[in-house]
Amino acid sequence: MKIFVARIRGFAAVWRFMSAATNIYRTVAGNPEVMELSSIGGEAMKRKTVLLVSAVLSALGTHVGASDASTLTGNSLELSWTEERQIVNPRGEQKSAPVVVHVGLYLSSKGRFFTKVDIENRFGMGKMASQVDGQAGNAWQWHASGSGVSGFGRVGSTGARKVDIVLTGAGACSATAVMATKVGESGISIRNARGVPITIISNRVVGTTCTFRQGNIFAR
């Protein structure tokens, strides 16, 4: 009976993931003015969607619900990925400006997410931000359900990141991250670590990692 319920939960999680991925694809393909910064072209996005869904199915395995979001309660996740950015500076010059994003996530016994984000550029300079669920002006929103966690984070005033985390059992996890602009915008306007206004005109996410940690990583 437990295995049956676990499988139902797992399939439900996959269905939600497929629906979210399809909605992202439809948004990009159905609105020419939308720039999807982590994939290029509708067909490429469609292929990536299929590959991501396949990866999730593979990660879940036969016993789909072997690990669910409840296993994260009282524990933490550490995520990392590189964003290979092309930016335009105030002088109108286009440059490569890669950054490494580190995200620490802890889910308390009361169901509240604690988040710390550190973004480093090639010179080691970075931006750091911390938040707790329920605070006004939070940049990140997290939701745990089924066998994973989903998060949305604002990027400047015209962009957002979406992170999907799958708990694969035995203290393991996997993650995917994408970034997109607001409809009608040609890029994402932010300030870099030095406070200089720049516009991200393309972005490719590579090298995503996810590590499950026992306990509260912020209490160490």
C-alpha atoms as a PDB file:
ATOM      1  CA  MET A   1       0.000   0.000   0.000  1.00  0.00           C
ATOM      2  CA  LYS A   2       2.826   2.391   0.899  1.00  0.00           C
ATOM      3  CA  ILE A   3       4.553   1.723  -2.415  1.00  0.00           C
ATOM      4  CA  PHE A   4       1.285   2.347  -4.281  1.00  0.00           C
ATOM      5  CA  VAL A   5       0.760   5.692  -2.501  1.00  0.00           C
ATOM      6  CA  ALA A   6       4.405   6.589  -3.121  1.00  0.00           C
ATOM      7  CA  ARG A   7       4.013   5.920  -6.825  1.00  0.00           C
ATOM      8  CA  ILE A   8       0.873   8.056  -7.007  1.00  0.00           C
ATOM      9  CA  ARG A   9       2.710  10.914  -5.299  1.00  0.00           C
ATOM     10  CA  GLY A  10       5.652  10.512  -7.642  1.00  0.00           C
ATOM     11  CA  PHE A  11       3.500  10.514 -10.771  1.00  0.00           C
ATOM     12  CA  ALA A  12       1.688  13.598  -9.467  1.00  0.00           C
ATOM     13  CA  ALA A  13       5.034  15.348  -8.999  1.00  0.00           C
ATOM     14  CA  VAL A  14       6.100  14.418 -12.531  1.00  0.00           C
ATOM     15  CA  TRP A  15       2.772  15.697 -13.893  1.00  0.00           C
ATOM     16  CA  ARG A  16       3.255  19.030 -12.115  1.00  0.00           C
ATOM     17  CA  PHE A  17       6.806  19.237 -13.468  1.00  0.00           C
ATOM     18  CA  MET A  18       5.668  18.457 -17.019  1.00  0.00           C
ATOM     19  CA  SER A  19       2.891  21.052 -16.767  1.00  0.00           C
ATOM     20  CA  ALA A  20       5.314  23.708 -15.525  1.00  0.00           C
ATOM     21  CA  ALA A  21       7.872  22.881 -18.240  1.00  0.00           C
ATOM     22  CA  THR A  22       5.148  22.945 -20.913  1.00  0.00           C
ATOM     23  CA  ASN A  23       3.910  26.318 -19.674  1.00  0.00           C
ATOM     24  CA  ILE A  24       7.441  27.735 -19.889  1.00  0.00           C
ATOM     25  CA  TYR A  25       7.769  26.408 -23.439  1.00  0.00           C
ATOM     26  CA  ARG A  26       4.342  27.784 -24.442  1.00  0.00           C
ATOM     27  CA  THR A  27       5.172  31.184 -22.946  1.00  0.00           C
ATOM     28  CA  VAL A  28       8.412  31.407 -24.889  1.00  0.00           C
ATOM     29  CA  ALA A  29       7.156  29.938 -28.163  1.00  0.00           C
ATOM     30  CA  GLY A  30       3.827  31.776 -28.072  1.00  0.00           C
ATOM     31  CA  ASN A  31       5.270  35.242 -27.421  1.00  0.00           C
ATOM     32  CA  PRO A  32       8.045  36.303 -29.817  1.00  0.00           C
ATOM     33  CA  GLU A  33       8.939  39.230 -27.577  1.00  0.00           C
ATOM     34  CA  VAL A  34       9.801  36.933 -24.681  1.00  0.00           C
ATOM     35  CA  MET A  35      13.493  36.070 -24.419  1.00  0.00           C
ATOM     36  CA  GLU A  36      14.105  32.768 -22.625  1.00  0.00           C
ATOM     37  CA  LEU A  37      17.663  33.264 -21.454  1.00  0.00           C
ATOM     38  CA  SER A  38      18.606  29.699 -20.565  1.00  0.00           C
ATOM     39  CA  SER A  39      17.622  27.986 -23.836  1.00  0.00           C
ATOM     40  CA  ILE A  40      17.768  29.144 -27.428  1.00  0.00           C
ATOM     41  CA  GLY A  41      14.890  28.578 -29.843  1.00  0.00           C
ATOM     42  CA  GLY A  42      11.496  26.934 -29.387  1.00  0.00           C
ATOM     43  CA  GLU A  43      12.579  23.516 -30.643  1.00  0.00           C
ATOM     44  CA  ALA A  44      15.665  23.556 -28.425  1.00  0.00           C
ATOM     45  CA  MET A  45      13.461  24.385 -25.447  1.00  0.00           C
ATOM     46  CA  LYS A  46      11.064  21.601 -26.419  1.00  0.00           C
ATOM     47  CA  ARG A  47      13.921  19.098 -26.572  1.00  0.00           C
ATOM     48  CA  LYS A  48      15.263  20.307 -23.231  1.00  0.00           C
ATOM     49  CA  THR A  49      11.804  19.907 -21.717  1.00  0.00           C
ATOM     50  CA  VAL A  50      11.678  16.285 -22.885  1.00  0.00           C
ATOM     51  CA  LEU A  51      15.187  15.643 -21.564  1.00  0.00           C
ATOM     52  CA  LEU A  52      14.388  17.229 -18.197  1.00  0.00           C
ATOM     53  CA  VAL A  53      11.205  15.194 -17.815  1.00  0.00           C
ATOM     54  CA  SER A  54      13.149  12.064 -18.755  1.00  0.00           C
ATOM     55  CA  ALA A  55      15.795  12.952 -16.171  1.00  0.00           C
ATOM     56  CA  VAL A  56      13.143  13.350 -13.489  1.00  0.00           C
ATOM     57  CA  LEU A  57      11.537  10.013 -14.386  1.00  0.00           C
ATOM     58  CA  SER A  58      14.957   8.363 -14.292  1.00  0.00           C
ATOM     59  CA  ALA A  59      15.774   9.955 -10.939  1.00  0.00           C
ATOM     60  CA  LEU A  60      12.471   8.848  -9.407  1.00  0.00           C
ATOM     61  CA  GLY A  61      12.992   5.265 -10.581  1.00  0.00           C
ATOM     62  CA  THR A  62      10.571   2.398 -10.041  1.00  0.00           C
ATOM     63  CA  HIS A  63       9.728   3.292  -6.448  1.00  0.00           C
ATOM     64  CA  VAL A  64       8.668   6.814  -7.369  1.00  0.00           C
ATOM     65  CA  GLY A  65       7.996   8.032  -3.860  1.00  0.00           C
ATOM     66  CA  ALA A  66      11.158   6.618  -2.275  1.00  0.00           C
ATOM     67  CA  SER A  67      11.846  10.138  -0.992  1.00  0.00           C
ATOM     68  CA  ASP A  68       9.409  13.010  -0.640  1.00  0.00           C
ATOM     69  CA  ALA A  69       9.623  16.609   0.465  1.00  0.00           C
ATOM     70  CA  SER A  70       8.919  15.652   4.097  1.00  0.00           C
ATOM     71  CA  THR A  71      12.446  14.195   4.294  1.00  0.00           C
ATOM     72  CA  LEU A  72      13.765  17.743   3.908  1.00  0.00           C
ATOM     73  CA  THR A  73      12.080  18.952   7.108  1.00  0.00           C
ATOM     74  CA  GLY A  74      14.823  19.806   9.592  1.00  0.00           C
ATOM     75  CA  ASN A  75      17.465  19.407   6.882  1.00  0.00           C
ATOM     76  CA  SER A  76      19.140  21.520   4.221  1.00  0.00           C
ATOM     77  CA  LEU A  77      20.097  21.718   0.562  1.00  0.00           C
ATOM     78  CA  GLU A  78      23.096  23.391  -1.035  1.00  0.00           C
ATOM     79  CA  LEU A  79      22.764  24.338  -4.709  1.00  0.00           C
ATOM     80  CA  SER A  80      25.285  25.770  -7.120  1.00  0.00           C
ATOM     81  CA  TRP A  81      25.409  26.645 -10.814  1.00  0.00           C
ATOM     82  CA  THR A  82      27.247  28.887 -13.253  1.00  0.00           C
ATOM     83  CA  GLU A  83      25.470  31.504 -15.345  1.00  0.00           C
ATOM     84  CA  GLU A  84      27.357  32.298 -18.553  1.00  0.00           C
ATOM     85  CA  ARG A  85      26.059  35.798 -19.166  1.00  0.00           C
ATOM     86  CA  GLN A  86      26.376  38.252 -22.006  1.00  0.00           C
ATOM     87  CA  ILE A  87      25.765  41.766 -20.710  1.00  0.00           C
ATOM     88  CA  VAL A  88      25.613  45.331 -22.009  1.00  0.00           C
ATOM     89  CA  ASN A  89      27.290  47.975 -19.834  1.00  0.00           C
ATOM     90  CA  PRO A  90      26.307  51.672 -19.534  1.00  0.00           C
ATOM     91  CA  ARG A  91      28.625  52.493 -22.463  1.00  0.00           C
ATOM     92  CA  GLY A  92      26.697  50.140 -24.720  1.00  0.00           C
ATOM     93  CA  GLU A  93      29.525  47.585 -24.855  1.00  0.00           C
ATOM     94  CA  GLN A  94      28.642  43.891 -24.965  1.00  0.00           C
ATOM     95  CA  LYS A  95      30.775  41.668 -22.745  1.00  0.00           C
ATOM     96  CA  SER A  96      30.951  38.208 -21.230  1.00  0.00           C
ATOM     97  CA  ALA A  97      30.282  38.315 -17.482  1.00  0.00           C
ATOM     98  CA  PRO A  98      29.904  34.826 -15.966  1.00  0.00           C
ATOM     99  CA  VAL A  99      28.843  34.413 -12.331  1.00  0.00           C
ATOM    100  CA  VAL A 100      28.547  31.484  -9.930  1.00  0.00           C
ATOM    101  CA  VAL A 101      25.340  31.241  -7.912  1.00  0.00           C
ATOM    102  CA  HIS A 102      25.311  29.494  -4.514  1.00  0.00           C
ATOM    103  CA  VAL A 103      21.990  28.844  -2.752  1.00  0.00           C
ATOM    104  CA  GLY A 104      21.627  27.490   0.781  1.00  0.00           C
ATOM    105  CA  LEU A 105      18.167  26.284   1.771  1.00  0.00           C
ATOM    106  CA  TYR A 106      16.857  25.042   5.131  1.00  0.00           C
ATOM    107  CA  LEU A 107      13.299  23.838   5.872  1.00  0.00           C
ATOM    108  CA  SER A 108      12.384  24.173   9.558  1.00  0.00           C
ATOM    109  CA  SER A 109      10.115  21.838  11.505  1.00  0.00           C
ATOM    110  CA  LYS A 110       7.443  24.563  11.254  1.00  0.00           C
ATOM    111  CA  GLY A 111       7.584  24.442   7.452  1.00  0.00           C
ATOM    112  CA  ARG A 112       9.447  27.728   6.959  1.00  0.00           C
ATOM    113  CA  PHE A 113      12.230  28.051   4.397  1.00  0.00           C
ATOM    114  CA  PHE A 114      15.434  29.883   5.300  1.00  0.00           C
ATOM    115  CA  THR A 115      17.433  30.989   2.254  1.00  0.00           C
ATOM    116  CA  LYS A 116      20.898  32.372   1.619  1.00  0.00           C
ATOM    117  CA  VAL A 117      22.063  33.324  -1.865  1.00  0.00           C
ATOM    118  CA  ASP A 118      25.614  34.274  -2.787  1.00  0.00           C
ATOM    119  CA  ILE A 119      26.527  35.379  -6.323  1.00  0.00           C
ATOM    120  CA  GLU A 120      30.209  35.617  -7.252  1.00  0.00           C
ATOM    121  CA  ASN A 121      31.735  37.119 -10.369  1.00  0.00           C
ATOM    122  CA  ARG A 122      35.075  36.245 -11.935  1.00  0.00           C
ATOM    123  CA  PHE A 123      36.918  38.586  -9.561  1.00  0.00           C
ATOM    124  CA  GLY A 124      35.458  36.954  -6.476  1.00  0.00           C
ATOM    125  CA  MET A 125      33.224  39.944  -5.771  1.00  0.00           C
ATOM    126  CA  GLY A 126      29.657  39.008  -5.048  1.00  0.00           C
ATOM    127  CA  LYS A 127      26.236  39.843  -3.722  1.00  0.00           C
ATOM    128  CA  MET A 128      24.845  38.058  -0.694  1.00  0.00           C
ATOM    129  CA  ALA A 129      21.253  37.971   0.519  1.00  0.00           C
ATOM    130  CA  SER A 130      19.424  36.054   3.253  1.00  0.00           C
ATOM    131  CA  GLN A 131      15.705  35.695   3.920  1.00  0.00           C
ATOM    132  CA  VAL A 132      13.091  33.834   5.948  1.00  0.00           C
ATOM    133  CA  ASP A 133       9.616  32.899   4.701  1.00  0.00           C
ATOM    134  CA  GLY A 134       7.022  35.537   5.507  1.00  0.00           C
ATOM    135  CA  GLN A 135       9.298  38.561   5.416  1.00  0.00           C
ATOM    136  CA  ALA A 136       8.184  41.540   3.342  1.00  0.00           C
ATOM    137  CA  GLY A 137      10.065  42.055   0.096  1.00  0.00           C
ATOM    138  CA  ASN A 138      11.404  38.511  -0.174  1.00  0.00           C
ATOM    139  CA  ALA A 139      13.166  37.858  -3.481  1.00  0.00           C
ATOM    140  CA  TRP A 140      12.604  34.076  -3.334  1.00  0.00           C
ATOM    141  CA  GLN A 141       9.450  31.988  -2.923  1.00  0.00           C
ATOM    142  CA  TRP A 142       9.747  28.246  -2.218  1.00  0.00           C
ATOM    143  CA  HIS A 143       7.177  25.460  -2.258  1.00  0.00           C
ATOM    144  CA  ALA A 144       7.669  21.830  -1.196  1.00  0.00           C
ATOM    145  CA  SER A 145       5.390  19.136  -2.593  1.00  0.00           C
ATOM    146  CA  GLY A 146       5.552  15.537  -3.788  1.00  0.00           C
ATOM    147  CA  SER A 147       9.181  14.517  -4.143  1.00  0.00           C
ATOM    148  CA  GLY A 148      10.710  17.930  -4.553  1.00  0.00           C
ATOM    149  CA  VAL A 149      10.920  21.664  -4.048  1.00  0.00           C
ATOM    150  CA  SER A 150      10.293  24.499  -6.511  1.00  0.00           C
ATOM    151  CA  GLY A 151      11.498  28.055  -6.154  1.00  0.00           C
ATOM    152  CA  PHE A 152      11.052  31.350  -7.959  1.00  0.00           C
ATOM    153  CA  GLY A 153      13.476  34.224  -7.451  1.00  0.00           C
ATOM    154  CA  ARG A 154      13.327  37.764  -8.779  1.00  0.00           C
ATOM    155  CA  VAL A 155      16.280  39.015 -10.839  1.00  0.00           C
ATOM    156  CA  GLY A 156      16.273  42.785 -10.979  1.00  0.00           C
ATOM    157  CA  SER A 157      12.986  44.331 -12.033  1.00  0.00           C
ATOM    158  CA  THR A 158      12.543  42.464 -15.324  1.00  0.00           C
ATOM    159  CA  GLY A 159      13.672  38.882 -14.759  1.00  0.00           C
ATOM    160  CA  ALA A 160      13.222  35.742 -12.668  1.00  0.00           C
ATOM    161  CA  ARG A 161      14.878  32.409 -11.951  1.00  0.00           C
ATOM    162  CA  LYS A 162      13.006  29.128 -11.579  1.00  0.00           C
ATOM    163  CA  VAL A 163      14.667  26.290  -9.679  1.00  0.00           C
ATOM    164  CA  ASP A 164      13.289  22.736  -9.512  1.00  0.00           C
ATOM    165  CA  ILE A 165      14.780  20.309  -6.996  1.00  0.00           C
ATOM    166  CA  VAL A 166      14.072  16.569  -6.929  1.00  0.00           C
ATOM    167  CA  LEU A 167      14.855  14.531  -3.798  1.00  0.00           C
ATOM    168  CA  THR A 168      16.027  11.206  -5.168  1.00  0.00           C
ATOM    169  CA  GLY A 169      16.356   9.251  -1.920  1.00  0.00           C
ATOM    170  CA  ALA A 170      19.303   8.133   0.221  1.00  0.00           C
ATOM    171  CA  GLY A 171      20.208  11.747   0.983  1.00  0.00           C
ATOM    172  CA  ALA A 172      20.598  12.703  -2.679  1.00  0.00           C
ATOM    173  CA  CYS A 173      19.038  15.367  -4.879  1.00  0.00           C
ATOM    174  CA  SER A 174      19.202  16.903  -8.348  1.00  0.00           C
ATOM    175  CA  ALA A 175      18.290  20.373  -9.572  1.00  0.00           C
ATOM    176  CA  THR A 176      17.606  22.406 -12.702  1.00  0.00           C
ATOM    177  CA  ALA A 177      17.616  26.190 -13.044  1.00  0.00           C
ATOM    178  CA  VAL A 178      16.379  28.531 -15.764  1.00  0.00           C
ATOM    179  CA  MET A 179      16.144  32.302 -16.136  1.00  0.00           C
ATOM    180  CA  ALA A 180      13.681  34.330 -18.192  1.00  0.00           C
ATOM    181  CA  THR A 181      12.664  37.944 -18.811  1.00  0.00           C
ATOM    182  CA  LYS A 182       9.357  39.662 -18.342  1.00  0.00           C
ATOM    183  CA  VAL A 183       7.145  39.791 -21.455  1.00  0.00           C
ATOM    184  CA  GLY A 184       8.000  42.821 -23.576  1.00  0.00           C
ATOM    185  CA  GLU A 185      11.521  43.251 -22.194  1.00  0.00           C
ATOM    186  CA  SER A 186      14.695  42.677 -24.228  1.00  0.00           C
ATOM    187  CA  GLY A 187      16.858  41.781 -21.260  1.00  0.00           C
ATOM    188  CA  ILE A 188      17.217  41.772 -17.481  1.00  0.00           C
ATOM    189  CA  SER A 189      18.287  45.037 -15.872  1.00  0.00           C
ATOM    190  CA  ILE A 190      20.318  44.702 -12.659  1.00  0.00           C
ATOM    191  CA  ARG A 191      23.235  46.302 -10.815  1.00  0.00           C
ATOM    192  CA  ASN A 192      26.470  44.347 -10.600  1.00  0.00           C
ATOM    193  CA  ALA A 193      28.586  43.843  -7.467  1.00  0.00           C
ATOM    194  CA  ARG A 194      30.058  47.332  -7.920  1.00  0.00           C
ATOM    195  CA  GLY A 195      26.622  48.925  -8.209  1.00  0.00           C
ATOM    196  CA  VAL A 196      26.966  49.601 -11.945  1.00  0.00           C
ATOM    197  CA  PRO A 197      23.721  49.183 -13.936  1.00  0.00           C
ATOM    198  CA  ILE A 198      23.959  46.461 -16.600  1.00  0.00           C
ATOM    199  CA  THR A 199      21.549  44.531 -18.815  1.00  0.00           C
ATOM    200  CA  ILE A 200      21.778  40.752 -19.202  1.00  0.00           C
ATOM    201  CA  ILE A 201      20.942  40.006 -22.849  1.00  0.00           C
ATOM    202  CA  SER A 202      21.657  36.256 -22.815  1.00  0.00           C
ATOM    203  CA  ASN A 203      22.314  33.669 -20.156  1.00  0.00           C
ATOM    204  CA  ARG A 204      23.196  29.971 -20.154  1.00  0.00           C
ATOM    205  CA  VAL A 205      23.011  27.918 -16.961  1.00  0.00           C
ATOM    206  CA  VAL A 206      25.654  25.168 -16.682  1.00  0.00           C
ATOM    207  CA  GLY A 207      27.123  22.878 -14.036  1.00  0.00           C
ATOM    208  CA  THR A 208      24.126  22.684 -11.704  1.00  0.00           C
ATOM    209  CA  THR A 209      24.795  20.728  -8.504  1.00  0.00           C
ATOM    210  CA  CYS A 210      22.632  19.808  -5.513  1.00  0.00           C
ATOM    211  CA  THR A 211      23.791  18.452  -2.145  1.00  0.00           C
ATOM    212  CA  PHE A 212      21.565  17.207   0.693  1.00  0.00           C
ATOM    213  CA  ARG A 213      22.816  18.171   4.166  1.00  0.00           C
ATOM    214  CA  GLN A 214      21.650  16.790   7.496  1.00  0.00           C
ATOM    215  CA  GLY A 215      20.430  19.455   9.919  1.00  0.00           C
ATOM    216  CA  ASN A 216      20.490  23.248   9.691  1.00  0.00           C
ATOM    217  CA  ILE A 217      23.464  24.486   7.650  1.00  0.00           C
ATOM    218  CA  PHE A 218      22.988  28.007   9.044  1.00  0.00           C
ATOM    219  CA  ALA A 219      23.466  26.848  12.629  1.00  0.00           C
ATOM    220  CA  ARG A 220      27.027  25.642  12.018  1.00  0.00           C
END
